[in-house]
Amino acid sequence: VFGIDGIDEKSALHRINQNTSQALDAMKYVAGNTNDEVVWQYIPFGYNEDDIPAAIDIANQHNIKLMILKSGRFHEEGNILEPPKDKNLYNVYDFAKREYIN
């Protein structure tokens, strides 16, 4: 399972200090060079929700299972990240809801 919240370096807004291009390369490498199932865990935020179609394309090209993790933690104190505009992309409860895209 690779936790990468986007298709570019904005992913590091949530995954502090994550090098997104290295993480994506590692995920693609494992998917292409092992028989293991590779899951891309993607949490939608306001900054990355429009990139989900591109993430679906990348996942499909590399035989990666894309899992949208719909967070319910946007109301927590100290959370500076905006929830997605599409209310179908987050959970109104405190727990996260997993939805597999492919």
PDB file of N, CA and C in Angstrom:
ATOM      1  N   VAL A   1       0.857  -1.178   0.000  1.00  0.00           N
ATOM      2  CA  VAL A   1       0.000   0.000   0.000  1.00  0.00           C
ATOM      3  C   VAL A   1       0.897   1.232   0.000  1.00  0.00           C
ATOM      4  N   PHE A   2       0.677   2.092  -0.971  1.00  0.00           N
ATOM      5  CA  PHE A   2       1.414   3.349  -1.078  1.00  0.00           C
ATOM      6  C   PHE A   2       0.448   4.497  -0.808  1.00  0.00           C
ATOM      7  N   GLY A   3       0.740   5.315   0.189  1.00  0.00           N
ATOM      8  CA  GLY A   3      -0.072   6.484   0.508  1.00  0.00           C
ATOM      9  C   GLY A   3       0.455   7.690  -0.230  1.00  0.00           C
ATOM     10  N   ILE A   4      -0.182   8.009  -1.357  1.00  0.00           N
ATOM     11  CA  ILE A   4       0.238   9.142  -2.181  1.00  0.00           C
ATOM     12  C   ILE A   4      -1.035   9.920  -2.522  1.00  0.00           C
ATOM     13  N   ASP A   5      -1.138  11.125  -2.024  1.00  0.00           N
ATOM     14  CA  ASP A   5      -2.375  11.903  -2.158  1.00  0.00           C
ATOM     15  C   ASP A   5      -2.298  12.906  -3.294  1.00  0.00           C
ATOM     16  N   GLY A   6      -2.093  12.388  -4.486  1.00  0.00           N
ATOM     17  CA  GLY A   6      -2.048  13.242  -5.658  1.00  0.00           C
ATOM     18  C   GLY A   6      -1.092  12.701  -6.691  1.00  0.00           C
ATOM     19  N   ILE A   7      -0.938  13.461  -7.772  1.00  0.00           N
ATOM     20  CA  ILE A   7      -0.074  13.033  -8.873  1.00  0.00           C
ATOM     21  C   ILE A   7       1.145  13.935  -9.028  1.00  0.00           C
ATOM     22  N   ASP A   8       1.282  14.891  -8.126  1.00  0.00           N
ATOM     23  CA  ASP A   8       2.432  15.799  -8.198  1.00  0.00           C
ATOM     24  C   ASP A   8       2.870  16.161  -6.783  1.00  0.00           C
ATOM     25  N   GLU A   9       3.784  17.075  -6.678  1.00  0.00           N
ATOM     26  CA  GLU A   9       4.398  17.398  -5.385  1.00  0.00           C
ATOM     27  C   GLU A   9       3.442  18.013  -4.365  1.00  0.00           C
ATOM     28  N   LYS A  10       2.230  18.378  -4.782  1.00  0.00           N
ATOM     29  CA  LYS A  10       1.253  18.882  -3.808  1.00  0.00           C
ATOM     30  C   LYS A  10       0.888  17.813  -2.785  1.00  0.00           C
ATOM     31  N   SER A  11       1.151  16.551  -3.111  1.00  0.00           N
ATOM     32  CA  SER A  11       0.879  15.463  -2.168  1.00  0.00           C
ATOM     33  C   SER A  11       1.582  15.703  -0.838  1.00  0.00           C
ATOM     34  N   ALA A  12       2.712  16.382  -0.868  1.00  0.00           N
ATOM     35  CA  ALA A  12       3.482  16.641   0.352  1.00  0.00           C
ATOM     36  C   ALA A  12       2.794  17.654   1.273  1.00  0.00           C
ATOM     37  N   LEU A  13       1.718  18.287   0.810  1.00  0.00           N
ATOM     38  CA  LEU A  13       0.958  19.159   1.707  1.00  0.00           C
ATOM     39  C   LEU A  13       0.377  18.348   2.859  1.00  0.00           C
ATOM     40  N   HIS A  14       0.008  17.103   2.587  1.00  0.00           N
ATOM     41  CA  HIS A  14      -0.499  16.215   3.633  1.00  0.00           C
ATOM     42  C   HIS A  14       0.571  15.234   4.079  1.00  0.00           C
ATOM     43  N   ARG A  15       1.260  14.644   3.146  1.00  0.00           N
ATOM     44  CA  ARG A  15       2.324  13.672   3.437  1.00  0.00           C
ATOM     45  C   ARG A  15       3.621  14.470   3.564  1.00  0.00           C
ATOM     46  N   ILE A  16       3.837  15.060   4.698  1.00  0.00           N
ATOM     47  CA  ILE A  16       4.942  15.977   4.931  1.00  0.00           C
ATOM     48  C   ILE A  16       6.268  15.342   4.514  1.00  0.00           C
ATOM     49  N   ASN A  17       7.020  16.091   3.719  1.00  0.00           N
ATOM     50  CA  ASN A  17       8.338  15.696   3.209  1.00  0.00           C
ATOM     51  C   ASN A  17       8.308  14.530   2.223  1.00  0.00           C
ATOM     52  N   GLN A  18       7.148  14.156   1.747  1.00  0.00           N
ATOM     53  CA  GLN A  18       7.095  13.086   0.752  1.00  0.00           C
ATOM     54  C   GLN A  18       7.602  13.613  -0.583  1.00  0.00           C
ATOM     55  N   ASN A  19       8.471  12.842  -1.216  1.00  0.00           N
ATOM     56  CA  ASN A  19       8.895  13.139  -2.579  1.00  0.00           C
ATOM     57  C   ASN A  19       7.950  12.355  -3.485  1.00  0.00           C
ATOM     58  N   THR A  20       6.955  13.038  -4.019  1.00  0.00           N
ATOM     59  CA  THR A  20       5.883  12.369  -4.747  1.00  0.00           C
ATOM     60  C   THR A  20       6.391  11.637  -5.975  1.00  0.00           C
ATOM     61  N   SER A  21       7.296  12.243  -6.714  1.00  0.00           N
ATOM     62  CA  SER A  21       7.783  11.566  -7.926  1.00  0.00           C
ATOM     63  C   SER A  21       8.529  10.280  -7.563  1.00  0.00           C
ATOM     64  N   GLN A  22       9.309  10.279  -6.491  1.00  0.00           N
ATOM     65  CA  GLN A  22       9.986   9.055  -6.052  1.00  0.00           C
ATOM     66  C   GLN A  22       8.980   8.012  -5.573  1.00  0.00           C
ATOM     67  N   ALA A  23       7.964   8.448  -4.845  1.00  0.00           N
ATOM     68  CA  ALA A  23       6.945   7.519  -4.353  1.00  0.00           C
ATOM     69  C   ALA A  23       6.176   6.899  -5.512  1.00  0.00           C
ATOM     70  N   LEU A  24       5.802   7.716  -6.498  1.00  0.00           N
ATOM     71  CA  LEU A  24       5.098   7.186  -7.675  1.00  0.00           C
ATOM     72  C   LEU A  24       5.985   6.212  -8.443  1.00  0.00           C
ATOM     73  N   ASP A  25       7.264   6.565  -8.609  1.00  0.00           N
ATOM     74  CA  ASP A  25       8.200   5.667  -9.306  1.00  0.00           C
ATOM     75  C   ASP A  25       8.343   4.343  -8.573  1.00  0.00           C
ATOM     76  N   ALA A  26       8.443   4.385  -7.243  1.00  0.00           N
ATOM     77  CA  ALA A  26       8.571   3.162  -6.446  1.00  0.00           C
ATOM     78  C   ALA A  26       7.313   2.306  -6.582  1.00  0.00           C
ATOM     79  N   MET A  27       6.162   2.939  -6.550  1.00  0.00           N
ATOM     80  CA  MET A  27       4.901   2.209  -6.675  1.00  0.00           C
ATOM     81  C   MET A  27       4.805   1.531  -8.046  1.00  0.00           C
ATOM     82  N   LYS A  28       5.152   2.260  -9.090  1.00  0.00           N
ATOM     83  CA  LYS A  28       5.118   1.693 -10.447  1.00  0.00           C
ATOM     84  C   LYS A  28       6.136   0.559 -10.586  1.00  0.00           C
ATOM     85  N   TYR A  29       7.298   0.725  -9.970  1.00  0.00           N
ATOM     86  CA  TYR A  29       8.327  -0.312 -10.039  1.00  0.00           C
ATOM     87  C   TYR A  29       7.836  -1.607  -9.403  1.00  0.00           C
ATOM     88  N   VAL A  30       7.274  -1.511  -8.210  1.00  0.00           N
ATOM     89  CA  VAL A  30       6.781  -2.704  -7.520  1.00  0.00           C
ATOM     90  C   VAL A  30       5.660  -3.357  -8.335  1.00  0.00           C
ATOM     91  N   ALA A  31       4.770  -2.536  -8.886  1.00  0.00           N
ATOM     92  CA  ALA A  31       3.661  -3.078  -9.687  1.00  0.00           C
ATOM     93  C   ALA A  31       4.168  -3.796 -10.932  1.00  0.00           C
ATOM     94  N   GLY A  32       5.233  -3.283 -11.522  1.00  0.00           N
ATOM     95  CA  GLY A  32       5.735  -3.854 -12.763  1.00  0.00           C
ATOM     96  C   GLY A  32       6.750  -4.967 -12.602  1.00  0.00           C
ATOM     97  N   ASN A  33       7.286  -5.138 -11.394  1.00  0.00           N
ATOM     98  CA  ASN A  33       8.380  -6.093 -11.201  1.00  0.00           C
ATOM     99  C   ASN A  33       8.122  -7.152 -10.141  1.00  0.00           C
ATOM    100  N   THR A  34       6.904  -7.217  -9.641  1.00  0.00           N
ATOM    101  CA  THR A  34       6.549  -8.256  -8.669  1.00  0.00           C
ATOM    102  C   THR A  34       5.177  -8.799  -9.026  1.00  0.00           C
ATOM    103  N   ASN A  35       4.818  -9.872  -8.384  1.00  0.00           N
ATOM    104  CA  ASN A  35       3.463 -10.416  -8.543  1.00  0.00           C
ATOM    105  C   ASN A  35       2.544  -9.960  -7.421  1.00  0.00           C
ATOM    106  N   ASP A  36       3.034  -9.043  -6.602  1.00  0.00           N
ATOM    107  CA  ASP A  36       2.247  -8.554  -5.469  1.00  0.00           C
ATOM    108  C   ASP A  36       1.183  -7.564  -5.933  1.00  0.00           C
ATOM    109  N   GLU A  37       0.047  -7.571  -5.242  1.00  0.00           N
ATOM    110  CA  GLU A  37      -0.967  -6.557  -5.522  1.00  0.00           C
ATOM    111  C   GLU A  37      -0.482  -5.229  -4.949  1.00  0.00           C
ATOM    112  N   VAL A  38      -0.536  -4.201  -5.752  1.00  0.00           N
ATOM    113  CA  VAL A  38      -0.126  -2.865  -5.320  1.00  0.00           C
ATOM    114  C   VAL A  38      -1.381  -2.006  -5.196  1.00  0.00           C
ATOM    115  N   VAL A  39      -1.526  -1.369  -4.035  1.00  0.00           N
ATOM    116  CA  VAL A  39      -2.676  -0.511  -3.770  1.00  0.00           C
ATOM    117  C   VAL A  39      -2.182   0.918  -3.571  1.00  0.00           C
ATOM    118  N   TRP A  40      -2.813   1.832  -4.291  1.00  0.00           N
ATOM    119  CA  TRP A  40      -2.524   3.263  -4.165  1.00  0.00           C
ATOM    120  C   TRP A  40      -3.624   3.863  -3.298  1.00  0.00           C
ATOM    121  N   GLN A  41      -3.260   4.249  -2.076  1.00  0.00           N
ATOM    122  CA  GLN A  41      -4.199   4.888  -1.158  1.00  0.00           C
ATOM    123  C   GLN A  41      -4.149   6.392  -1.398  1.00  0.00           C
ATOM    124  N   TYR A  42      -5.265   6.960  -1.803  1.00  0.00           N
ATOM    125  CA  TYR A  42      -5.356   8.355  -2.225  1.00  0.00           C
ATOM    126  C   TYR A  42      -6.436   9.032  -1.384  1.00  0.00           C
ATOM    127  N   ILE A  43      -6.058  10.023  -0.597  1.00  0.00           N
ATOM    128  CA  ILE A  43      -7.025  10.776   0.194  1.00  0.00           C
ATOM    129  C   ILE A  43      -7.374  12.049  -0.567  1.00  0.00           C
ATOM    130  N   PRO A  44      -8.632  12.231  -0.954  1.00  0.00           N
ATOM    131  CA  PRO A  44      -9.016  13.462  -1.652  1.00  0.00           C
ATOM    132  C   PRO A  44      -9.023  14.678  -0.716  1.00  0.00           C
ATOM    133  N   PHE A  45      -8.461  15.748  -1.212  1.00  0.00           N
ATOM    134  CA  PHE A  45      -8.475  17.053  -0.548  1.00  0.00           C
ATOM    135  C   PHE A  45      -8.917  18.082  -1.590  1.00  0.00           C
ATOM    136  N   GLY A  46      -9.112  19.303  -1.169  1.00  0.00           N
ATOM    137  CA  GLY A  46      -9.444  20.356  -2.118  1.00  0.00           C
ATOM    138  C   GLY A  46      -8.365  20.541  -3.176  1.00  0.00           C
ATOM    139  N   TYR A  47      -7.104  20.331  -2.804  1.00  0.00           N
ATOM    140  CA  TYR A  47      -5.997  20.569  -3.734  1.00  0.00           C
ATOM    141  C   TYR A  47      -5.798  19.445  -4.753  1.00  0.00           C
ATOM    142  N   ASN A  48      -6.366  18.262  -4.538  1.00  0.00           N
ATOM    143  CA  ASN A  48      -6.059  17.144  -5.429  1.00  0.00           C
ATOM    144  C   ASN A  48      -7.281  16.454  -6.033  1.00  0.00           C
ATOM    145  N   GLU A  49      -8.475  16.892  -5.694  1.00  0.00           N
ATOM    146  CA  GLU A  49      -9.656  16.165  -6.160  1.00  0.00           C
ATOM    147  C   GLU A  49      -9.780  16.169  -7.682  1.00  0.00           C
ATOM    148  N   ASP A  50      -9.327  17.225  -8.335  1.00  0.00           N
ATOM    149  CA  ASP A  50      -9.419  17.278  -9.801  1.00  0.00           C
ATOM    150  C   ASP A  50      -8.410  16.359 -10.488  1.00  0.00           C
ATOM    151  N   ASP A  51      -7.450  15.837  -9.732  1.00  0.00           N
ATOM    152  CA  ASP A  51      -6.430  14.944 -10.297  1.00  0.00           C
ATOM    153  C   ASP A  51      -6.835  13.470 -10.239  1.00  0.00           C
ATOM    154  N   ILE A  52      -7.992  13.162  -9.674  1.00  0.00           N
ATOM    155  CA  ILE A  52      -8.405  11.758  -9.544  1.00  0.00           C
ATOM    156  C   ILE A  52      -8.517  11.060 -10.905  1.00  0.00           C
ATOM    157  N   PRO A  53      -9.096  11.686 -11.945  1.00  0.00           N
ATOM    158  CA  PRO A  53      -9.131  10.995 -13.244  1.00  0.00           C
ATOM    159  C   PRO A  53      -7.734  10.637 -13.772  1.00  0.00           C
ATOM    160  N   ALA A  54      -6.763  11.516 -13.572  1.00  0.00           N
ATOM    161  CA  ALA A  54      -5.387  11.213 -13.991  1.00  0.00           C
ATOM    162  C   ALA A  54      -4.811  10.079 -13.145  1.00  0.00           C
ATOM    163  N   ALA A  55      -5.138  10.053 -11.859  1.00  0.00           N
ATOM    164  CA  ALA A  55      -4.677   8.961 -10.988  1.00  0.00           C
ATOM    165  C   ALA A  55      -5.283   7.632 -11.437  1.00  0.00           C
ATOM    166  N   ILE A  56      -6.538   7.648 -11.825  1.00  0.00           N
ATOM    167  CA  ILE A  56      -7.176   6.430 -12.346  1.00  0.00           C
ATOM    168  C   ILE A  56      -6.440   5.940 -13.585  1.00  0.00           C
ATOM    169  N   ASP A  57      -6.100   6.853 -14.489  1.00  0.00           N
ATOM    170  CA  ASP A  57      -5.361   6.473 -15.699  1.00  0.00           C
ATOM    171  C   ASP A  57      -4.001   5.867 -15.358  1.00  0.00           C
ATOM    172  N   ILE A  58      -3.282   6.509 -14.451  1.00  0.00           N
ATOM    173  CA  ILE A  58      -1.962   6.001 -14.047  1.00  0.00           C
ATOM    174  C   ILE A  58      -2.110   4.611 -13.431  1.00  0.00           C
ATOM    175  N   ALA A  59      -3.073   4.451 -12.543  1.00  0.00           N
ATOM    176  CA  ALA A  59      -3.286   3.160 -11.892  1.00  0.00           C
ATOM    177  C   ALA A  59      -3.610   2.081 -12.925  1.00  0.00           C
ATOM    178  N   ASN A  60      -4.483   2.392 -13.850  1.00  0.00           N
ATOM    179  CA  ASN A  60      -4.846   1.410 -14.873  1.00  0.00           C
ATOM    180  C   ASN A  60      -3.661   1.045 -15.770  1.00  0.00           C
ATOM    181  N   GLN A  61      -2.845   2.021 -16.129  1.00  0.00           N
ATOM    182  CA  GLN A  61      -1.675   1.779 -16.988  1.00  0.00           C
ATOM    183  C   GLN A  61      -0.667   0.849 -16.331  1.00  0.00           C
ATOM    184  N   HIS A  62      -0.609   0.859 -15.001  1.00  0.00           N
ATOM    185  CA  HIS A  62       0.438   0.124 -14.283  1.00  0.00           C
ATOM    186  C   HIS A  62      -0.107  -1.034 -13.440  1.00  0.00           C
ATOM    187  N   ASN A  63      -1.355  -1.407 -13.688  1.00  0.00           N
ATOM    188  CA  ASN A  63      -1.971  -2.524 -12.964  1.00  0.00           C
ATOM    189  C   ASN A  63      -1.931  -2.310 -11.441  1.00  0.00           C
ATOM    190  N   ILE A  64      -2.314  -1.113 -11.036  1.00  0.00           N
ATOM    191  CA  ILE A  64      -2.337  -0.715  -9.632  1.00  0.00           C
ATOM    192  C   ILE A  64      -3.792  -0.532  -9.216  1.00  0.00           C
ATOM    193  N   LYS A  65      -4.122  -1.013  -8.043  1.00  0.00           N
ATOM    194  CA  LYS A  65      -5.476  -0.867  -7.519  1.00  0.00           C
ATOM    195  C   LYS A  65      -5.560   0.483  -6.802  1.00  0.00           C
ATOM    196  N   LEU A  66      -6.437   1.351  -7.273  1.00  0.00           N
ATOM    197  CA  LEU A  66      -6.587   2.679  -6.668  1.00  0.00           C
ATOM    198  C   LEU A  66      -7.678   2.636  -5.608  1.00  0.00           C
ATOM    199  N   MET A  67      -7.312   3.058  -4.400  1.00  0.00           N
ATOM    200  CA  MET A  67      -8.264   3.114  -3.301  1.00  0.00           C
ATOM    201  C   MET A  67      -8.418   4.569  -2.866  1.00  0.00           C
ATOM    202  N   ILE A  68      -9.638   5.071  -2.968  1.00  0.00           N
ATOM    203  CA  ILE A  68      -9.928   6.413  -2.473  1.00  0.00           C
ATOM    204  C   ILE A  68     -10.283   6.278  -0.994  1.00  0.00           C
ATOM    205  N   LEU A  69      -9.531   6.935  -0.150  1.00  0.00           N
ATOM    206  CA  LEU A  69      -9.767   6.914   1.287  1.00  0.00           C
ATOM    207  C   LEU A  69     -10.488   8.205   1.651  1.00  0.00           C
ATOM    208  N   LYS A  70     -11.782   8.098   1.854  1.00  0.00           N
ATOM    209  CA  LYS A  70     -12.618   9.272   2.125  1.00  0.00           C
ATOM    210  C   LYS A  70     -12.507   9.623   3.599  1.00  0.00           C
ATOM    211  N   SER A  71     -11.760  10.663   3.886  1.00  0.00           N
ATOM    212  CA  SER A  71     -11.496  11.063   5.262  1.00  0.00           C
ATOM    213  C   SER A  71     -12.714  11.733   5.884  1.00  0.00           C
ATOM    214  N   GLY A  72     -12.791  11.633   7.172  1.00  0.00           N
ATOM    215  CA  GLY A  72     -13.815  12.338   7.924  1.00  0.00           C
ATOM    216  C   GLY A  72     -13.200  13.279   8.936  1.00  0.00           C
ATOM    217  N   ARG A  73     -11.932  13.610   8.744  1.00  0.00           N
ATOM    218  CA  ARG A  73     -11.186  14.348   9.765  1.00  0.00           C
ATOM    219  C   ARG A  73     -10.944  15.810   9.398  1.00  0.00           C
ATOM    220  N   PHE A  74     -11.716  16.356   8.492  1.00  0.00           N
ATOM    221  CA  PHE A  74     -11.475  17.739   8.084  1.00  0.00           C
ATOM    222  C   PHE A  74     -11.855  18.748   9.149  1.00  0.00           C
ATOM    223  N   HIS A  75     -12.717  18.370  10.059  1.00  0.00           N
ATOM    224  CA  HIS A  75     -13.166  19.305  11.099  1.00  0.00           C
ATOM    225  C   HIS A  75     -12.256  19.304  12.327  1.00  0.00           C
ATOM    226  N   GLU A  76     -11.219  18.464  12.323  1.00  0.00           N
ATOM    227  CA  GLU A  76     -10.336  18.404  13.487  1.00  0.00           C
ATOM    228  C   GLU A  76      -9.548  19.701  13.648  1.00  0.00           C
ATOM    229  N   GLU A  77      -9.348  20.089  14.882  1.00  0.00           N
ATOM    230  CA  GLU A  77      -8.587  21.293  15.171  1.00  0.00           C
ATOM    231  C   GLU A  77      -7.167  21.151  14.642  1.00  0.00           C
ATOM    232  N   GLY A  78      -6.669  22.176  13.995  1.00  0.00           N
ATOM    233  CA  GLY A  78      -5.313  22.158  13.482  1.00  0.00           C
ATOM    234  C   GLY A  78      -5.201  21.644  12.058  1.00  0.00           C
ATOM    235  N   ASN A  79      -6.276  21.108  11.505  1.00  0.00           N
ATOM    236  CA  ASN A  79      -6.232  20.625  10.125  1.00  0.00           C
ATOM    237  C   ASN A  79      -6.403  21.818   9.194  1.00  0.00           C
ATOM    238  N   ILE A  80      -5.341  22.159   8.478  1.00  0.00           N
ATOM    239  CA  ILE A  80      -5.376  23.338   7.605  1.00  0.00           C
ATOM    240  C   ILE A  80      -5.761  22.981   6.171  1.00  0.00           C
ATOM    241  N   LEU A  81      -5.891  21.702   5.874  1.00  0.00           N
ATOM    242  CA  LEU A  81      -6.206  21.288   4.513  1.00  0.00           C
ATOM    243  C   LEU A  81      -7.704  21.330   4.269  1.00  0.00           C
ATOM    244  N   GLU A  82      -8.063  21.878   3.120  1.00  0.00           N
ATOM    245  CA  GLU A  82      -9.466  22.009   2.752  1.00  0.00           C
ATOM    246  C   GLU A  82     -10.026  20.675   2.280  1.00  0.00           C
ATOM    247  N   PRO A  83     -11.257  20.366   2.657  1.00  0.00           N
ATOM    248  CA  PRO A  83     -11.883  19.150   2.133  1.00  0.00           C
ATOM    249  C   PRO A  83     -12.189  19.334   0.647  1.00  0.00           C
ATOM    250  N   PRO A  84     -12.411  18.238  -0.058  1.00  0.00           N
ATOM    251  CA  PRO A  84     -12.793  18.368  -1.461  1.00  0.00           C
ATOM    252  C   PRO A  84     -14.131  19.100  -1.586  1.00  0.00           C
ATOM    253  N   LYS A  85     -14.327  19.762  -2.707  1.00  0.00           N
ATOM    254  CA  LYS A  85     -15.598  20.440  -2.956  1.00  0.00           C
ATOM    255  C   LYS A  85     -16.709  19.418  -3.180  1.00  0.00           C
ATOM    256  N   ASP A  86     -16.356  18.298  -3.807  1.00  0.00           N
ATOM    257  CA  ASP A  86     -17.309  17.221  -4.068  1.00  0.00           C
ATOM    258  C   ASP A  86     -17.539  16.458  -2.760  1.00  0.00           C
ATOM    259  N   LYS A  87     -18.706  16.619  -2.183  1.00  0.00           N
ATOM    260  CA  LYS A  87     -19.011  16.003  -0.892  1.00  0.00           C
ATOM    261  C   LYS A  87     -19.023  14.475  -0.958  1.00  0.00           C
ATOM    262  N   ASN A  88     -19.047  13.896  -2.154  1.00  0.00           N
ATOM    263  CA  ASN A  88     -18.968  12.438  -2.305  1.00  0.00           C
ATOM    264  C   ASN A  88     -17.550  11.921  -2.087  1.00  0.00           C
ATOM    265  N   LEU A  89     -16.587  12.827  -1.962  1.00  0.00           N
ATOM    266  CA  LEU A  89     -15.190  12.425  -1.831  1.00  0.00           C
ATOM    267  C   LEU A  89     -14.681  12.474  -0.392  1.00  0.00           C
ATOM    268  N   TYR A  90     -15.540  12.764   0.557  1.00  0.00           N
ATOM    269  CA  TYR A  90     -15.120  12.662   1.949  1.00  0.00           C
ATOM    270  C   TYR A  90     -16.271  12.147   2.790  1.00  0.00           C
ATOM    271  N   ASN A  91     -15.945  11.723   3.991  1.00  0.00           N
ATOM    272  CA  ASN A  91     -16.906  11.136   4.897  1.00  0.00           C
ATOM    273  C   ASN A  91     -17.251  12.161   5.974  1.00  0.00           C
ATOM    274  N   VAL A  92     -18.510  12.318   6.269  1.00  0.00           N
ATOM    275  CA  VAL A  92     -18.914  13.306   7.263  1.00  0.00           C
ATOM    276  C   VAL A  92     -18.703  12.805   8.691  1.00  0.00           C
ATOM    277  N   TYR A  93     -18.377  11.533   8.839  1.00  0.00           N
ATOM    278  CA  TYR A  93     -18.117  10.959  10.155  1.00  0.00           C
ATOM    279  C   TYR A  93     -16.615  10.975  10.427  1.00  0.00           C
ATOM    280  N   ASP A  94     -16.218  10.681  11.653  1.00  0.00           N
ATOM    281  CA  ASP A  94     -14.817  10.744  12.043  1.00  0.00           C
ATOM    282  C   ASP A  94     -13.957   9.653  11.414  1.00  0.00           C
ATOM    283  N   PHE A  95     -14.542   8.572  10.998  1.00  0.00           N
ATOM    284  CA  PHE A  95     -13.747   7.475  10.455  1.00  0.00           C
ATOM    285  C   PHE A  95     -13.594   7.626   8.936  1.00  0.00           C
ATOM    286  N   ALA A  96     -12.646   6.927   8.405  1.00  0.00           N
ATOM    287  CA  ALA A  96     -12.403   6.965   6.969  1.00  0.00           C
ATOM    288  C   ALA A  96     -13.174   5.835   6.292  1.00  0.00           C
ATOM    289  N   LYS A  97     -13.578   6.080   5.071  1.00  0.00           N
ATOM    290  CA  LYS A  97     -14.292   5.085   4.268  1.00  0.00           C
ATOM    291  C   LYS A  97     -13.461   4.796   3.031  1.00  0.00           C
ATOM    292  N   ARG A  98     -13.205   3.501   2.794  1.00  0.00           N
ATOM    293  CA  ARG A  98     -12.396   3.097   1.647  1.00  0.00           C
ATOM    294  C   ARG A  98     -13.289   2.740   0.478  1.00  0.00           C
ATOM    295  N   GLU A  99     -12.919   3.220  -0.709  1.00  0.00           N
ATOM    296  CA  GLU A  99     -13.650   2.894  -1.933  1.00  0.00           C
ATOM    297  C   GLU A  99     -12.644   2.570  -3.026  1.00  0.00           C
ATOM    298  N   TYR A 100     -12.709   1.362  -3.530  1.00  0.00           N
ATOM    299  CA  TYR A 100     -11.794   0.970  -4.610  1.00  0.00           C
ATOM    300  C   TYR A 100     -12.365   1.410  -5.940  1.00  0.00           C
ATOM    301  N   ILE A 101     -11.538   2.049  -6.753  1.00  0.00           N
ATOM    302  CA  ILE A 101     -11.955   2.571  -8.040  1.00  0.00           C
ATOM    303  C   ILE A 101     -11.812   1.523  -9.135  1.00  0.00           C
ATOM    304  N   ASN A 102     -10.715   0.780  -9.113  1.00  0.00           N
ATOM    305  CA  ASN A 102     -10.462  -0.212 -10.174  1.00  0.00           C
ATOM    306  C   ASN A 102     -10.003  -1.501  -9.580  1.00  0.00           C
TER     307      ASN A 102
END
